[in-house]
């Protein structure tokens, strides 16, 4: 537990699901968490619970909006001189059976939140990350976005494609930052969250635990896809 004491963590999508459960674990271990949420009421409710555990800094940010990453980066820069962990967790998902059902607009709409926002936030915070202590970036993906999953099923194609792209982005950032910042991708599992739905076999706390596990890996591990502390294929 002491490994995270004093760590400065930026966590997007901290008000629900995997993000909320991970925030609880890190705060209980003595970390400081700057957490974003897209809904004001939900963010305030989460902040009340999380601030009972430690230093939680809530920030309203909707990553569907192009200005959100810059606003988050500015607020983090004003708060801390360095960042130890950037957890790109916020995402959107729409269930449609194929490209025809989705139409042409959905991919353009969800690309910003699921791919470009974590890329831009990484770009804007990399100067603080390289000043951190064994700094890490974790991009929360999904098994639905693995190459094998794309071959097996064509449902929810926008979500699958954006998560597949997130994996590629992770590899490229890991190569760019090798020896400076560890960059990995996390599949938290199919969970009973707003995205996963009520029929999922896992609980949100399982995803929080897997976030903890990937952040506890040796710092030299980078450019890989993980299910907790178990490596899986992109």
Protein backbone atom coordinates (compact mmCIF):
# COMPACT_ATOMS: atom_id res chain seq x y z
CA UNK A 1 0.00 0.00 0.00
CA UNK A 2 2.83 2.41 0.80
CA UNK A 3 3.97 2.31 -2.83
CA UNK A 4 1.28 4.87 -3.71
CA UNK A 5 1.67 7.17 -0.72
CA UNK A 6 2.13 10.73 -1.93
CA UNK A 7 1.68 9.80 -5.60
CA UNK A 8 0.07 12.51 -7.75
CA UNK A 9 -2.55 10.84 -9.94
CA UNK A 10 -4.66 12.29 -12.75
CA UNK A 11 -7.69 10.06 -13.30
CA UNK A 12 -10.31 10.78 -15.94
CA UNK A 13 -13.79 9.36 -15.47
CA UNK A 14 -13.42 9.18 -11.70
CA UNK A 15 -17.09 9.40 -10.75
CA UNK A 16 -18.28 5.92 -11.67
CA UNK A 17 -17.28 2.36 -12.47
CA UNK A 18 -13.60 1.50 -12.73
CA UNK A 19 -12.49 5.09 -12.15
CA UNK A 20 -14.42 5.51 -8.92
CA UNK A 21 -13.27 2.17 -7.53
CA UNK A 22 -9.65 2.84 -8.48
CA UNK A 23 -9.81 6.30 -6.89
CA UNK A 24 -10.94 4.74 -3.61
CA UNK A 25 -8.00 2.36 -3.58
CA UNK A 26 -5.39 4.99 -4.40
CA UNK A 27 -6.75 7.52 -1.91
CA UNK A 28 -6.84 4.91 0.86
CA UNK A 29 -3.17 4.22 0.10
CA UNK A 30 -2.25 7.89 0.60
CA UNK A 31 -2.17 9.10 -3.01
CA UNK A 32 -3.51 12.44 -4.19
CA UNK A 33 -6.08 12.12 -6.97
CA UNK A 34 -7.17 14.78 -9.45
CA UNK A 35 -10.35 13.24 -10.83
CA UNK A 36 -12.61 14.35 -13.64
CA UNK A 37 -16.30 13.80 -14.29
CA UNK A 38 -18.62 15.03 -17.02
CA UNK A 39 -21.76 15.49 -14.89
CA UNK A 40 -21.69 18.17 -12.18
CA UNK A 41 -24.13 16.49 -9.79
CA UNK A 42 -22.44 13.12 -10.09
CA UNK A 43 -19.01 14.70 -9.65
CA UNK A 44 -20.10 16.46 -6.47
CA UNK A 45 -21.60 13.26 -5.07
CA UNK A 46 -18.45 11.26 -5.84
CA UNK A 47 -16.24 13.98 -4.37
CA UNK A 48 -18.09 13.84 -1.06
CA UNK A 49 -17.36 10.11 -0.79
CA UNK A 50 -13.81 10.25 -2.08
CA UNK A 51 -12.71 13.20 0.04
CA UNK A 52 -13.51 11.15 3.12
CA UNK A 53 -10.62 8.90 2.08
CA UNK A 54 -7.99 11.50 1.22
CA UNK A 55 -6.94 14.33 -1.06
CA UNK A 56 -9.33 14.23 -3.99
CA UNK A 57 -9.52 17.19 -6.35
CA UNK A 58 -12.71 17.10 -8.48
CA UNK A 59 -12.76 18.76 -11.90
CA UNK A 60 -15.66 19.04 -14.34
CA UNK A 61 -14.59 17.94 -17.82
CA UNK A 62 -16.54 16.51 -20.76
CA UNK A 63 -14.07 14.93 -23.18
CA UNK A 64 -16.61 15.09 -25.98
CA UNK A 65 -15.72 18.80 -26.03
CA UNK A 66 -12.50 19.81 -27.78
CA UNK A 67 -11.43 22.23 -25.05
CA UNK A 68 -11.55 19.66 -22.21
CA UNK A 69 -7.98 18.24 -22.36
CA UNK A 70 -6.42 21.71 -22.35
CA UNK A 71 -8.60 22.77 -19.41
CA UNK A 72 -7.67 19.66 -17.42
CA UNK A 73 -3.96 20.08 -18.17
CA UNK A 74 -4.06 23.73 -17.09
CA UNK A 75 -5.75 22.86 -13.80
CA UNK A 76 -3.28 20.04 -13.08
CA UNK A 77 -0.33 22.28 -13.89
CA UNK A 78 -1.65 24.88 -11.44
CA UNK A 79 -2.00 22.21 -8.74
CA UNK A 80 1.23 20.16 -8.99
CA UNK A 81 4.78 20.62 -10.30
CA UNK A 82 4.86 16.98 -11.46
CA UNK A 83 2.54 14.03 -12.13
CA UNK A 84 3.30 10.40 -11.27
CA UNK A 85 0.34 8.62 -12.90
CA UNK A 86 -1.98 9.59 -15.74
CA UNK A 87 -4.92 7.20 -15.95
CA UNK A 88 -6.88 7.82 -19.16
CA UNK A 89 -10.09 6.09 -18.15
CA UNK A 90 -12.97 8.23 -19.49
CA UNK A 91 -14.75 6.78 -22.54
CA UNK A 92 -18.12 6.46 -24.25
CA UNK A 93 -19.79 3.42 -25.75
CA UNK A 94 -22.86 2.86 -27.94
CA UNK A 95 -24.26 -0.60 -28.66
CA UNK A 96 -25.22 -1.08 -32.31
CA UNK A 97 -25.00 -4.33 -34.25
CA UNK A 98 -22.89 -3.15 -37.20
CA UNK A 99 -21.71 -0.20 -39.29
CA UNK A 100 -25.06 0.10 -41.07
CA UNK A 101 -26.89 0.48 -37.77
CA UNK A 102 -24.41 3.05 -36.51
CA UNK A 103 -24.42 5.27 -39.58
CA UNK A 104 -21.66 7.75 -40.40
CA UNK A 105 -21.77 10.14 -37.46
CA UNK A 106 -21.01 7.95 -34.45
CA UNK A 107 -17.39 7.22 -35.26
CA UNK A 108 -16.62 10.91 -35.70
CA UNK A 109 -18.42 11.76 -32.46
CA UNK A 110 -16.82 9.11 -30.25
CA UNK A 111 -13.32 9.27 -31.69
CA UNK A 112 -12.69 12.49 -29.78
CA UNK A 113 -13.48 11.10 -26.32
CA UNK A 114 -12.06 7.60 -26.79
CA UNK A 115 -8.88 8.34 -28.76
CA UNK A 116 -8.00 11.96 -29.30
CA UNK A 117 -8.73 13.17 -25.74
CA UNK A 118 -6.33 10.69 -24.07
CA UNK A 119 -3.75 11.49 -26.75
CA UNK A 120 -4.06 15.24 -26.22
CA UNK A 121 -4.05 14.94 -22.44
CA UNK A 122 -0.90 12.83 -22.63
CA UNK A 123 0.67 15.39 -24.98
CA UNK A 124 -0.16 18.28 -22.65
CA UNK A 125 0.93 16.54 -19.43
CA UNK A 126 4.08 14.81 -20.62
CA UNK A 127 6.21 17.69 -19.33
CA UNK A 128 4.89 17.07 -15.81
CA UNK A 129 5.08 13.30 -16.14
CA UNK A 130 8.79 13.23 -16.93
CA UNK A 131 9.31 15.10 -13.64
CA UNK A 132 7.40 12.44 -11.70
CA UNK A 133 8.69 9.45 -9.74
CA UNK A 134 8.69 6.36 -12.00
CA UNK A 135 5.86 8.00 -13.96
CA UNK A 136 3.25 5.92 -15.74
CA UNK A 137 0.41 6.33 -18.20
CA UNK A 138 -2.41 3.78 -18.29
CA UNK A 139 -4.91 3.90 -21.13
CA UNK A 140 -8.08 2.01 -20.25
CA UNK A 141 -9.10 -0.07 -23.24
CA UNK A 142 -11.22 -3.20 -23.61
CA UNK A 143 -10.89 -6.79 -24.71
CA UNK A 144 -13.55 -5.84 -27.26
CA UNK A 145 -10.87 -3.80 -29.02
CA UNK A 146 -8.30 -6.57 -29.48
CA UNK A 147 -7.50 -7.67 -33.03
CA UNK A 148 -9.00 -11.11 -32.33
CA UNK A 149 -12.22 -9.56 -31.03
CA UNK A 150 -12.52 -7.47 -34.21
CA UNK A 151 -12.18 -10.64 -36.25
CA UNK A 152 -14.77 -12.46 -34.14
CA UNK A 153 -17.55 -9.88 -34.07
CA UNK A 154 -18.75 -6.80 -35.94
CA UNK A 155 -21.12 -5.47 -33.28
CA UNK A 156 -20.52 -2.04 -31.66
CA UNK A 157 -17.91 -1.33 -34.35
CA UNK A 158 -17.14 2.27 -33.32
CA UNK A 159 -16.31 1.26 -29.77
CA UNK A 160 -14.17 -1.65 -30.93
CA UNK A 161 -12.28 0.45 -33.46
CA UNK A 162 -11.60 3.30 -31.02
CA UNK A 163 -10.24 0.88 -28.43
CA UNK A 164 -8.11 -0.85 -31.07
CA UNK A 165 -6.73 2.56 -32.02
CA UNK A 166 -6.06 3.32 -28.36
CA UNK A 167 -3.84 0.26 -28.26
CA UNK A 168 -1.83 1.52 -31.20
CA UNK A 169 -1.54 4.93 -29.60
CA UNK A 170 -0.27 3.28 -26.42
CA UNK A 171 2.50 1.48 -28.32
CA UNK A 172 3.59 4.67 -30.07
CA UNK A 173 3.68 6.73 -26.86
CA UNK A 174 5.57 3.90 -25.12
CA UNK A 175 8.19 3.98 -27.86
CA UNK A 176 8.44 7.78 -27.70
CA UNK A 177 8.79 7.84 -23.90
CA UNK A 178 10.86 4.68 -23.40
CA UNK A 179 13.09 5.05 -20.34
CA UNK A 180 11.16 8.15 -19.22
CA UNK A 181 7.50 7.17 -18.74
CA UNK A 182 5.96 3.68 -18.71
CA UNK A 183 2.91 3.55 -21.00
CA UNK A 184 0.52 0.60 -20.95
CA UNK A 185 -3.02 -0.38 -21.87
CA UNK A 186 -5.55 -1.96 -19.49
CA UNK A 187 -8.46 -4.26 -20.15
CA UNK A 188 -10.42 -4.02 -16.88
CA UNK A 189 -12.79 -6.81 -17.93
CA UNK A 190 -16.49 -6.93 -18.71
CA UNK A 191 -18.04 -5.28 -15.66
CA UNK A 192 -21.42 -4.17 -14.35
CA UNK A 193 -20.82 -0.50 -15.13
CA UNK A 194 -22.78 2.05 -17.15
CA UNK A 195 -20.76 0.90 -20.18
CA UNK A 196 -20.72 -2.82 -19.43
CA UNK A 197 -24.39 -3.16 -18.52
CA UNK A 198 -26.17 -5.26 -15.87
CA UNK A 199 -25.42 -8.64 -17.47
CA UNK A 200 -21.64 -8.37 -17.15
CA UNK A 201 -20.00 -11.08 -15.02
CA UNK A 202 -17.65 -8.75 -13.12
CA UNK A 203 -18.11 -5.97 -10.59
CA UNK A 204 -16.71 -2.41 -10.81
CA UNK A 205 -14.44 -3.20 -7.85
CA UNK A 206 -12.77 -5.89 -9.99
CA UNK A 207 -11.80 -3.22 -12.49
CA UNK A 208 -10.48 -0.96 -9.74
CA UNK A 209 -8.32 -3.81 -8.50
CA UNK A 210 -6.96 -4.43 -12.00
CA UNK A 211 -6.09 -0.75 -12.29
CA UNK A 212 -4.19 -1.08 -9.02
CA UNK A 213 -2.38 -4.16 -10.34
CA UNK A 214 -1.25 -2.59 -13.61
CA UNK A 215 0.05 0.43 -11.71
CA UNK A 216 1.99 -1.93 -9.42
CA UNK A 217 3.88 -3.66 -12.23
CA UNK A 218 7.63 -3.10 -12.51
CA UNK A 219 8.22 0.32 -14.02
CA UNK A 220 10.24 -1.22 -16.84
CA UNK A 221 7.11 -2.86 -18.26
CA UNK A 222 5.88 -0.63 -21.07
CA UNK A 223 4.10 -0.75 -24.42
CA UNK A 224 1.93 -3.73 -23.47
CA UNK A 225 -1.72 -4.71 -22.96
CA UNK A 226 -2.71 -6.04 -19.53
CA UNK A 227 -5.68 -7.58 -17.75
CA UNK A 228 -4.63 -6.50 -14.29
CA UNK A 229 -1.13 -7.93 -13.92
CA UNK A 230 -1.55 -10.52 -16.70
CA UNK A 231 -0.28 -9.60 -20.16
CA UNK A 232 -2.70 -10.17 -23.05
CA UNK A 233 -2.53 -9.65 -26.82
CA UNK A 234 -3.45 -6.34 -28.45
